[in-house]
Amino acid sequence: MNTENGDDEDRDLMARYLAGMADADAVARLESRLTADPSLRRTFLSHANVDAALAASVRPAPAILTKPKNSGVTRRWMPALAAAAAVVISAGWLWQARSGVEVRILEQPSLIADATLLDRTTAAGWAVGSVKRLREIELGEGSLRVGLPSGVVLDLVAPVKVHLIDAMRVRVAAGAVTADAGPAGAGFTLDTPDTQVVDLGTRFGVNVLGGGETDVAVFDGKVELRESGRAPAVLDAGDSVRVGGLARIRRQALISTRGESAFILEPAPSDALVTGIEDNIAESGFHSFYTIQRGAMRPGVRPYSTLGKPRWQAAEGGTFPEELLGADVIGTFSADRHEPSLELTLTVSRPCAVYVMLDARGEVPDWVRQDFSDTGWRLRGGPWADNPVVRGMTADEKGEIHLDYAVWKKEVDAAGPVVLGPPFPEGNATRRAMYGVAVK
């Protein structure tokens, strides 16, 4: 077969397939050619990049096409495709959708109840470092961390269901997914039923909830929210919103996470102790969030929602207070230290103890003295990066700066709201840290 005739046959097979007119034999021949020819695969897949929005759709738009004749069909395939542009775009990911996307297992799954795999590998065979070719992952329980060929790392928390479109695009049908795109992953997109979340060089997560709502949180960098017919909205690090019907966006103040260094969005359990957080900050465009790590209080846990380096530690020469171990950790927003009239309201589901960790360099606020008692315990937070909070302090022999915190405690007798006030009502917060919170 000469090259021209071979090219003509390839075009004919693609045209017939994309027009929905290929029989089983034609589909088999097309797949065989795509398997053997990387250049042809790229040509076929290039249609997926014409319009990122339409590429996320699985159901092709209907189109009326003329059935190709045996003579001259290879010269008329492009007008047919032009008439079926929506079909070409939405089906452009056919090859990867059929063959799957190669993913590397980065963390041993805790438990996989169900997974759709091309190789039908059982969950027990998912060793760290192994490579799987997947079209879809559905976890009934547990969690999973995988790496895509683009360098993007995905954390999935059950119950979750995702469709792997290609190395730069994943559609989240339900559940929580966090993406660490890294420097090479700019443009990576998580599609949800409500919006498209496009990475601008960042770490971010989505949680597709029931009732047509999606939580979006940005842990580092920026993302762009895209919705057909609307101007894109940009979220910065520390921002979180809930996207509802008709892409209505509102602040989502509390984001449930777990893990020491990577954030993973996850839904609240039915027996959650802390069920909500609200504050009285009503600035336009203010989307900053608080985090909660349920039962996670121990050395090495983050005190703040966005500052990456500081961790809770035992006081120098002391031990970590045993009573604090296993408490829910509320990651407060560091910049709230500048809010002299802040009211932070926690909603708890049953009697508990609330602990506030105060920067030991500052004055104790009146609301703390009135409602809390000093436990006498001390914690350290650090090491700190260059930050106005610690500017001017002398580093230790390791070149690190740590802060001392005093632990105050309040016994809460019943379910309901617990109101916390400002850290420094008299101002002078630049050289002081925002307080930390734990609940047990």
Protein backbone atom coordinates (compact mmCIF):
# COMPACT_ATOMS: atom_id res chain seq x y z
CA MET A 1 0.00 0.00 0.00
CA ASN A 2 1.45 3.40 -0.89
CA THR A 3 1.61 6.24 1.65
CA GLU A 4 -1.12 8.31 0.04
CA ASN A 5 -3.56 5.43 -0.02
CA GLY A 6 -2.66 4.58 3.57
CA ASP A 7 -3.32 8.17 4.66
CA ASP A 8 -6.61 8.14 2.78
CA GLU A 9 -7.72 4.97 4.51
CA ASP A 10 -6.76 6.40 7.92
CA ARG A 11 -8.80 9.51 7.22
CA ASP A 12 -11.70 7.43 6.03
CA LEU A 13 -11.63 5.25 9.16
CA MET A 14 -11.47 8.27 11.46
CA ALA A 15 -14.25 10.04 9.60
CA ARG A 16 -16.51 7.02 9.72
CA TYR A 17 -15.81 6.44 13.39
CA LEU A 18 -16.34 10.04 14.43
CA ALA A 19 -19.50 10.21 12.35
CA GLY A 20 -20.83 7.13 14.11
CA MET A 21 -20.86 5.06 10.90
CA ALA A 22 -18.00 2.61 11.54
CA ASP A 23 -18.84 -1.07 11.88
CA ALA A 24 -16.97 -3.43 14.22
CA ASP A 25 -14.39 -4.29 11.58
CA ALA A 26 -13.65 -0.62 10.89
CA VAL A 27 -13.31 0.12 14.61
CA ALA A 28 -10.88 -2.78 15.01
CA ARG A 29 -8.77 -1.58 12.04
CA LEU A 30 -8.72 1.99 13.38
CA GLU A 31 -7.63 0.86 16.83
CA SER A 32 -4.90 -1.29 15.31
CA ARG A 33 -3.58 1.68 13.31
CA LEU A 34 -3.72 3.99 16.32
CA THR A 35 -1.81 1.42 18.37
CA ALA A 36 0.97 1.18 15.79
CA ASP A 37 1.29 4.86 14.82
CA PRO A 38 2.01 7.51 17.50
CA SER A 39 1.73 10.28 14.89
CA LEU A 40 -1.75 9.13 13.97
CA ARG A 41 -2.72 9.01 17.63
CA ARG A 42 -1.58 12.59 18.06
CA THR A 43 -3.60 13.65 15.03
CA PHE A 44 -6.65 11.90 16.37
CA LEU A 45 -6.20 13.26 19.90
CA SER A 46 -5.55 16.81 18.72
CA HIS A 47 -9.29 17.29 18.38
CA ALA A 48 -9.58 17.02 22.17
CA ASN A 49 -7.58 20.21 22.55
CA VAL A 50 -9.70 22.38 20.26
CA ASP A 51 -12.05 23.33 23.02
CA ALA A 52 -11.23 22.33 26.58
CA ALA A 53 -14.76 22.84 27.77
CA LEU A 54 -16.37 20.54 25.26
CA ALA A 55 -13.68 17.93 25.76
CA ALA A 56 -15.07 17.19 29.18
CA SER A 57 -18.39 16.02 27.83
CA VAL A 58 -18.87 12.30 27.33
CA ARG A 59 -22.07 12.52 25.33
CA PRO A 60 -21.49 13.79 21.78
CA ALA A 61 -23.77 16.44 20.42
CA PRO A 62 -26.13 15.13 17.73
CA ALA A 63 -25.17 15.84 14.14
CA ILE A 64 -26.72 15.06 10.74
CA LEU A 65 -24.18 13.57 8.35
CA THR A 66 -24.33 12.22 4.84
CA LYS A 67 -23.36 8.60 4.64
CA PRO A 68 -20.02 8.39 2.80
CA LYS A 69 -19.94 6.67 -0.56
CA ASN A 70 -17.28 4.15 -1.56
CA SER A 71 -15.85 6.42 -4.24
CA GLY A 72 -14.25 9.74 -3.26
CA VAL A 73 -15.07 9.43 0.43
CA THR A 74 -11.52 10.23 1.47
CA ARG A 75 -11.73 13.63 -0.24
CA ARG A 76 -14.97 14.61 1.48
CA TRP A 77 -14.23 13.61 5.08
CA MET A 78 -13.16 17.03 6.26
CA PRO A 79 -16.45 18.80 5.40
CA ALA A 80 -18.24 15.99 7.22
CA LEU A 81 -16.11 16.51 10.27
CA ALA A 82 -16.63 20.25 10.12
CA ALA A 83 -20.36 19.66 10.20
CA ALA A 84 -19.84 17.42 13.23
CA ALA A 85 -17.41 19.64 15.11
CA ALA A 86 -19.02 18.97 18.44
CA VAL A 87 -18.67 15.23 17.85
CA VAL A 88 -15.01 15.56 16.92
CA ILE A 89 -14.21 17.68 19.96
CA SER A 90 -16.09 15.62 22.51
CA ALA A 91 -14.86 12.33 21.08
CA GLY A 92 -11.29 13.51 20.51
CA TRP A 93 -10.15 11.71 23.62
CA LEU A 94 -11.38 8.35 22.26
CA TRP A 95 -7.98 6.72 22.16
CA GLN A 96 -7.12 7.50 25.75
CA ALA A 97 -10.68 6.83 26.87
CA ARG A 98 -10.47 3.36 25.32
CA SER A 99 -6.92 2.52 26.37
CA GLY A 100 -6.92 4.44 29.66
CA VAL A 101 -4.36 6.76 31.21
CA GLU A 102 -1.20 5.39 32.77
CA VAL A 103 -1.03 6.23 36.47
CA ARG A 104 1.66 5.39 39.00
CA ILE A 105 0.61 4.26 42.47
CA LEU A 106 2.31 6.60 44.95
CA GLU A 107 0.77 5.45 48.20
CA GLN A 108 -0.49 2.02 49.18
CA PRO A 109 -4.28 2.27 49.11
CA SER A 110 -5.80 1.84 52.55
CA LEU A 111 -8.84 0.09 51.10
CA ILE A 112 -10.31 -0.01 47.61
CA ALA A 113 -13.85 -1.30 47.45
CA ASP A 114 -14.19 -0.98 43.68
CA ALA A 115 -12.02 0.19 40.80
CA THR A 116 -12.58 0.05 37.06
CA LEU A 117 -9.37 -1.10 35.41
CA LEU A 118 -8.51 -2.20 31.90
CA ASP A 119 -6.20 -4.92 33.18
CA ARG A 120 -8.72 -6.05 35.83
CA THR A 121 -5.99 -5.93 38.49
CA THR A 122 -7.27 -6.60 41.98
CA ALA A 123 -6.86 -4.00 44.69
CA ALA A 124 -4.39 -6.27 46.54
CA GLY A 125 -1.95 -5.95 43.63
CA TRP A 126 -1.66 -2.15 43.84
CA ALA A 127 1.90 -1.93 45.13
CA VAL A 128 3.62 1.44 45.52
CA GLY A 129 5.49 2.23 42.30
CA SER A 130 3.35 0.00 40.12
CA VAL A 131 1.83 1.45 36.95
CA LYS A 132 -1.80 0.90 36.00
CA ARG A 133 -3.74 1.93 32.94
CA LEU A 134 -7.06 3.30 34.11
CA ARG A 135 -10.15 4.88 32.59
CA GLU A 136 -12.08 5.30 35.81
CA ILE A 137 -11.49 4.97 39.52
CA GLU A 138 -14.32 4.47 41.96
CA LEU A 139 -13.48 4.05 45.64
CA GLY A 140 -16.18 2.91 48.02
CA GLU A 141 -13.87 3.18 51.04
CA GLY A 142 -10.34 4.28 51.81
CA SER A 143 -8.03 6.54 49.83
CA LEU A 144 -5.55 6.45 46.99
CA ARG A 145 -2.67 8.60 45.71
CA VAL A 146 -1.61 8.37 42.08
CA GLY A 147 0.71 10.23 39.72
CA LEU A 148 -0.25 11.09 36.14
CA PRO A 149 2.21 11.20 33.19
CA SER A 150 1.94 15.02 33.27
CA GLY A 151 3.52 15.04 36.75
CA VAL A 152 0.23 15.87 38.46
CA VAL A 153 -0.38 14.01 41.73
CA LEU A 154 -3.95 13.17 42.70
CA ASP A 155 -5.22 12.29 46.17
CA LEU A 156 -8.64 10.62 46.21
CA VAL A 157 -10.75 10.08 49.33
CA ALA A 158 -13.70 7.71 49.30
CA PRO A 159 -16.47 7.72 48.43
CA VAL A 160 -15.23 9.11 45.12
CA LYS A 161 -15.60 8.49 41.41
CA VAL A 162 -13.41 10.03 38.70
CA HIS A 163 -13.01 9.61 34.95
CA LEU A 164 -9.46 9.94 33.60
CA ILE A 165 -9.82 11.83 30.33
CA ASP A 166 -6.11 12.35 29.73
CA ALA A 167 -2.94 13.30 31.63
CA MET A 168 -4.08 16.92 31.93
CA ARG A 169 -7.79 16.48 32.58
CA VAL A 170 -9.87 14.52 35.08
CA ARG A 171 -13.62 14.62 35.50
CA VAL A 172 -14.85 14.26 39.10
CA ALA A 173 -18.30 12.72 39.18
CA ALA A 174 -18.53 12.52 42.98
CA GLY A 175 -16.35 12.87 46.04
CA ALA A 176 -13.12 14.58 47.06
CA VAL A 177 -10.00 14.96 44.92
CA THR A 178 -6.91 17.07 45.58
CA ALA A 179 -4.45 17.85 42.78
CA ASP A 180 -0.83 18.90 43.19
CA ALA A 181 -0.03 20.13 39.70
CA GLY A 182 3.55 21.19 40.33
CA PRO A 183 5.51 23.48 37.99
CA ALA A 184 4.84 21.34 34.91
CA GLY A 185 1.11 20.97 35.46
CA ALA A 186 -0.10 24.48 34.66
CA GLY A 187 -3.39 24.12 32.83
CA PHE A 188 -4.37 20.85 34.48
CA THR A 189 -8.15 20.79 34.87
CA LEU A 190 -10.57 19.12 37.23
CA ASP A 191 -14.06 19.09 35.72
CA THR A 192 -17.05 18.89 38.04
CA PRO A 193 -20.79 18.97 37.32
CA ASP A 194 -20.82 22.65 38.32
CA THR A 195 -17.60 24.16 37.03
CA GLN A 196 -14.13 23.64 35.61
CA VAL A 197 -11.19 24.28 37.95
CA VAL A 198 -8.07 25.13 35.96
CA ASP A 199 -4.66 25.09 37.62
CA LEU A 200 -2.48 28.19 37.38
CA GLY A 201 0.49 26.51 39.06
CA THR A 202 -0.86 25.29 42.36
CA ARG A 203 -2.25 22.68 44.76
CA PHE A 204 -6.01 22.64 44.98
CA GLY A 205 -8.94 20.38 45.69
CA VAL A 206 -12.58 19.84 44.86
CA ASN A 207 -15.30 17.98 46.71
CA VAL A 208 -18.37 17.16 44.62
CA LEU A 209 -21.29 16.97 47.04
CA GLY A 210 -24.81 15.73 46.70
CA GLY A 211 -27.46 18.24 45.71
CA GLY A 212 -25.51 19.82 42.86
CA GLU A 213 -22.83 21.64 44.88
CA THR A 214 -19.03 21.57 44.73
CA ASP A 215 -16.46 22.82 47.23
CA VAL A 216 -13.25 24.25 45.78
CA ALA A 217 -10.21 25.04 47.94
CA VAL A 218 -6.82 26.46 46.91
CA PHE A 219 -3.92 25.46 49.14
CA ASP A 220 -1.09 26.98 47.11
CA GLY A 221 -0.94 29.24 44.05
CA LYS A 222 -4.07 30.09 42.07
CA VAL A 223 -6.88 28.46 40.12
CA GLU A 224 -9.42 29.73 37.65
CA LEU A 225 -13.08 28.74 37.84
CA ARG A 226 -14.68 28.52 34.44
CA GLU A 227 -18.34 28.23 33.57
CA SER A 228 -19.87 28.55 30.13
CA GLY A 229 -21.27 32.02 29.55
CA ARG A 230 -19.64 33.54 32.64
CA ALA A 231 -16.43 35.45 33.23
CA PRO A 232 -13.73 33.29 34.89
CA ALA A 233 -13.23 33.74 38.63
CA VAL A 234 -9.73 33.49 40.12
CA LEU A 235 -9.11 32.04 43.60
CA ASP A 236 -5.84 32.54 45.47
CA ALA A 237 -4.07 30.40 48.07
CA GLY A 238 -6.20 30.16 51.19
CA ASP A 239 -9.46 30.73 49.32
CA SER A 240 -12.38 28.36 49.28
CA VAL A 241 -15.85 28.62 47.78
CA ARG A 242 -18.91 26.47 47.33
CA VAL A 243 -20.24 26.47 43.76
CA GLY A 244 -23.95 25.81 43.61
CA GLY A 245 -26.60 25.70 40.89
CA LEU A 246 -26.10 28.12 38.01
CA ALA A 247 -22.48 28.51 39.19
CA ARG A 248 -23.45 30.65 42.18
CA ILE A 249 -20.29 31.14 44.25
CA ARG A 250 -20.21 31.73 48.00
CA ARG A 251 -17.50 31.45 50.61
CA GLN A 252 -16.95 28.05 52.21
CA ALA A 253 -15.35 28.87 55.56
CA LEU A 254 -14.56 25.35 56.85
CA ILE A 255 -12.55 22.82 54.82
CA SER A 256 -12.06 19.34 56.25
CA THR A 257 -8.57 17.98 55.54
CA ARG A 258 -6.11 15.35 56.68
CA GLY A 259 -2.42 14.71 56.29
CA GLU A 260 0.62 16.55 57.55
CA SER A 261 2.05 18.07 54.38
CA ALA A 262 -0.65 17.64 51.76
CA PHE A 263 -4.23 18.75 52.06
CA ILE A 264 -6.95 16.32 51.12
CA LEU A 265 -10.53 17.49 51.02
CA GLU A 266 -12.91 15.07 52.64
CA PRO A 267 -16.54 15.12 53.74
CA ALA A 268 -17.41 15.43 57.43
CA PRO A 269 -18.26 12.14 59.15
CA SER A 270 -21.72 11.65 60.58
CA ASP A 271 -20.37 11.83 64.14
CA ALA A 272 -18.36 15.03 63.59
CA LEU A 273 -17.70 16.99 66.77
CA VAL A 274 -17.13 20.34 65.04
CA THR A 275 -19.85 20.80 62.45
CA GLY A 276 -19.23 24.34 61.28
CA ILE A 277 -17.18 27.53 61.51
CA GLU A 278 -18.30 31.07 60.79
CA ASP A 279 -16.73 34.48 61.29
CA ASN A 280 -17.92 38.07 61.07
CA ILE A 281 -15.64 39.06 58.21
CA ALA A 282 -17.87 40.31 55.40
CA GLU A 283 -15.40 41.85 52.96
CA SER A 284 -16.32 41.63 49.30
CA GLY A 285 -14.30 38.91 47.60
CA PHE A 286 -13.04 37.48 50.90
CA HIS A 287 -12.87 33.69 50.44
CA SER A 288 -10.28 32.62 53.02
CA PHE A 289 -10.95 29.34 54.80
CA TYR A 290 -10.28 27.55 58.07
CA THR A 291 -9.26 23.89 58.07
CA ILE A 292 -10.16 21.04 60.37
CA GLN A 293 -8.12 17.86 60.81
CA ARG A 294 -10.35 15.56 62.79
CA GLY A 295 -8.65 13.64 65.62
CA ALA A 296 -5.23 14.68 64.35
CA MET A 297 -3.70 16.71 67.22
CA ARG A 298 -0.15 15.53 67.82
CA PRO A 299 3.40 16.80 67.21
CA GLY A 300 3.89 17.75 63.58
CA VAL A 301 0.37 18.98 62.78
CA ARG A 302 -0.17 22.36 61.12
CA PRO A 303 -1.65 25.14 63.28
CA TYR A 304 -2.73 27.35 60.35
CA SER A 305 -4.76 26.85 57.22
CA THR A 306 -2.28 28.34 54.75
CA LEU A 307 1.16 28.69 56.38
CA GLY A 308 3.10 25.63 55.27
CA LYS A 309 6.06 25.43 57.62
CA PRO A 310 4.97 25.85 61.28
CA ARG A 311 3.95 22.68 63.12
CA TRP A 312 2.73 22.06 66.64
CA GLN A 313 5.51 20.64 68.81
CA ALA A 314 6.21 19.99 72.48
CA ALA A 315 7.69 22.88 74.42
CA GLU A 316 11.47 22.90 74.55
CA GLY A 317 12.56 20.44 77.23
CA GLY A 318 8.96 19.31 77.80
CA THR A 319 6.48 16.74 76.52
CA PHE A 320 3.42 17.15 74.35
CA PRO A 321 0.31 17.45 76.59
CA GLU A 322 -1.34 14.04 76.59
CA GLU A 323 -4.82 15.52 76.94
CA LEU A 324 -4.45 17.31 73.59
CA LEU A 325 -3.57 14.15 71.66
CA GLY A 326 -6.37 13.14 69.29
CA ALA A 327 -8.20 16.47 69.40
CA ASP A 328 -9.66 18.04 66.27
CA VAL A 329 -7.23 20.66 64.99
CA ILE A 330 -8.71 23.92 63.66
CA GLY A 331 -6.32 25.58 61.23
CA THR A 332 -6.94 29.29 61.72
CA PHE A 333 -6.26 31.97 59.13
CA SER A 334 -2.96 33.66 59.97
CA ALA A 335 -3.97 37.11 58.70
CA ASP A 336 -6.91 37.17 61.15
CA ARG A 337 -4.40 38.42 63.72
CA HIS A 338 -5.03 41.87 62.22
CA GLU A 339 -8.80 41.74 62.91
CA PRO A 340 -9.40 43.69 66.17
CA SER A 341 -13.13 42.89 66.16
CA LEU A 342 -12.94 39.26 65.00
CA GLU A 343 -15.64 36.83 66.12
CA LEU A 344 -14.95 33.22 65.22
CA THR A 345 -17.88 30.90 65.95
CA LEU A 346 -17.44 27.12 66.20
CA THR A 347 -20.51 24.91 66.18
CA VAL A 348 -20.11 21.70 68.19
CA SER A 349 -22.43 18.70 68.24
CA ARG A 350 -21.98 17.68 71.90
CA PRO A 351 -20.19 18.61 75.14
CA CYS A 352 -16.45 19.01 74.68
CA ALA A 353 -13.32 20.94 75.63
CA VAL A 354 -12.10 23.85 73.48
CA TYR A 355 -8.41 24.76 73.63
CA VAL A 356 -6.94 28.07 72.47
CA MET A 357 -3.18 28.33 71.94
CA LEU A 358 -2.03 31.95 72.43
CA ASP A 359 1.25 33.50 71.32
CA ALA A 360 3.03 33.76 74.68
CA ARG A 361 4.54 37.14 73.72
CA GLY A 362 1.17 38.90 73.66
CA GLU A 363 -1.37 40.02 76.22
CA VAL A 364 -4.15 37.56 77.06
CA PRO A 365 -7.44 38.87 75.58
CA ASP A 366 -10.28 39.64 78.00
CA TRP A 367 -12.61 37.05 76.41
CA VAL A 368 -10.02 34.34 77.10
CA ARG A 369 -9.58 35.37 80.74
CA GLN A 370 -13.36 35.41 81.24
CA ASP A 371 -14.28 32.06 79.67
CA PHE A 372 -11.08 29.98 79.67
CA SER A 373 -8.61 28.74 82.24
CA ASP A 374 -4.83 28.60 81.85
CA THR A 375 -3.77 24.95 81.79
CA GLY A 376 -0.13 25.80 82.42
CA TRP A 377 0.83 23.78 79.36
CA ARG A 378 3.07 25.22 76.69
CA LEU A 379 3.50 24.29 73.03
CA ARG A 380 5.96 25.39 70.40
CA GLY A 381 5.06 26.31 66.84
CA GLY A 382 7.65 26.28 64.08
CA PRO A 383 9.95 26.45 62.36
CA TRP A 384 8.79 29.72 60.84
CA ALA A 385 9.81 30.99 57.43
CA ASP A 386 10.55 34.69 56.92
CA ASN A 387 7.35 36.26 58.14
CA PRO A 388 6.44 39.54 59.91
CA VAL A 389 5.23 37.42 62.84
CA VAL A 390 8.83 36.45 63.73
CA ARG A 391 10.80 39.24 62.08
CA GLY A 392 13.57 40.48 64.35
CA MET A 393 13.73 37.26 66.40
CA THR A 394 17.01 35.39 66.75
CA ALA A 395 17.25 31.94 65.20
CA ASP A 396 18.45 28.96 67.24
CA GLU A 397 21.60 26.91 66.59
CA LYS A 398 19.81 25.14 63.73
CA GLY A 399 18.95 28.44 62.10
CA GLU A 400 15.27 28.00 62.96
CA ILE A 401 12.76 30.23 64.72
CA HIS A 402 10.04 28.78 66.95
CA LEU A 403 7.32 30.49 68.98
CA ASP A 404 6.00 29.53 72.41
CA TYR A 405 2.23 29.25 72.92
CA ALA A 406 0.21 29.13 76.16
CA VAL A 407 -2.70 26.64 76.18
CA TRP A 408 -6.04 27.86 77.62
CA LYS A 409 -9.09 25.60 78.02
CA LYS A 410 -12.88 25.99 78.13
CA GLU A 411 -15.35 23.25 79.10
CA VAL A 412 -18.43 23.33 76.86
CA ASP A 413 -21.50 21.71 78.47
CA ALA A 414 -23.83 21.34 75.49
CA ALA A 415 -24.07 21.32 71.72
CA GLY A 416 -24.22 24.69 70.03
CA PRO A 417 -22.06 27.71 69.17
CA VAL A 418 -18.77 28.59 70.86
CA VAL A 419 -17.64 32.16 70.15
CA LEU A 420 -13.94 33.09 70.09
CA GLY A 421 -12.82 36.70 69.94
CA PRO A 422 -9.93 38.66 68.42
CA PRO A 423 -6.34 37.70 69.25
CA PHE A 424 -5.09 41.25 69.83
CA PRO A 425 -7.94 43.75 70.24
CA GLU A 426 -5.51 46.57 71.02
CA GLY A 427 -3.67 46.17 67.72
CA ASN A 428 0.11 45.58 67.45
CA ALA A 429 -0.54 42.24 65.75
CA THR A 430 2.27 42.47 63.20
CA ARG A 431 4.80 40.83 65.55
CA ARG A 432 2.28 38.41 67.04
CA ALA A 433 0.88 35.09 65.78
CA MET A 434 -2.77 34.24 65.34
CA TYR A 435 -4.00 31.81 67.96
CA GLY A 436 -4.50 28.11 67.28
CA VAL A 437 -7.56 26.06 68.24
CA ALA A 438 -8.21 22.43 69.15
CA VAL A 439 -11.46 20.70 70.20
CA LYS A 440 -11.84 17.37 71.98
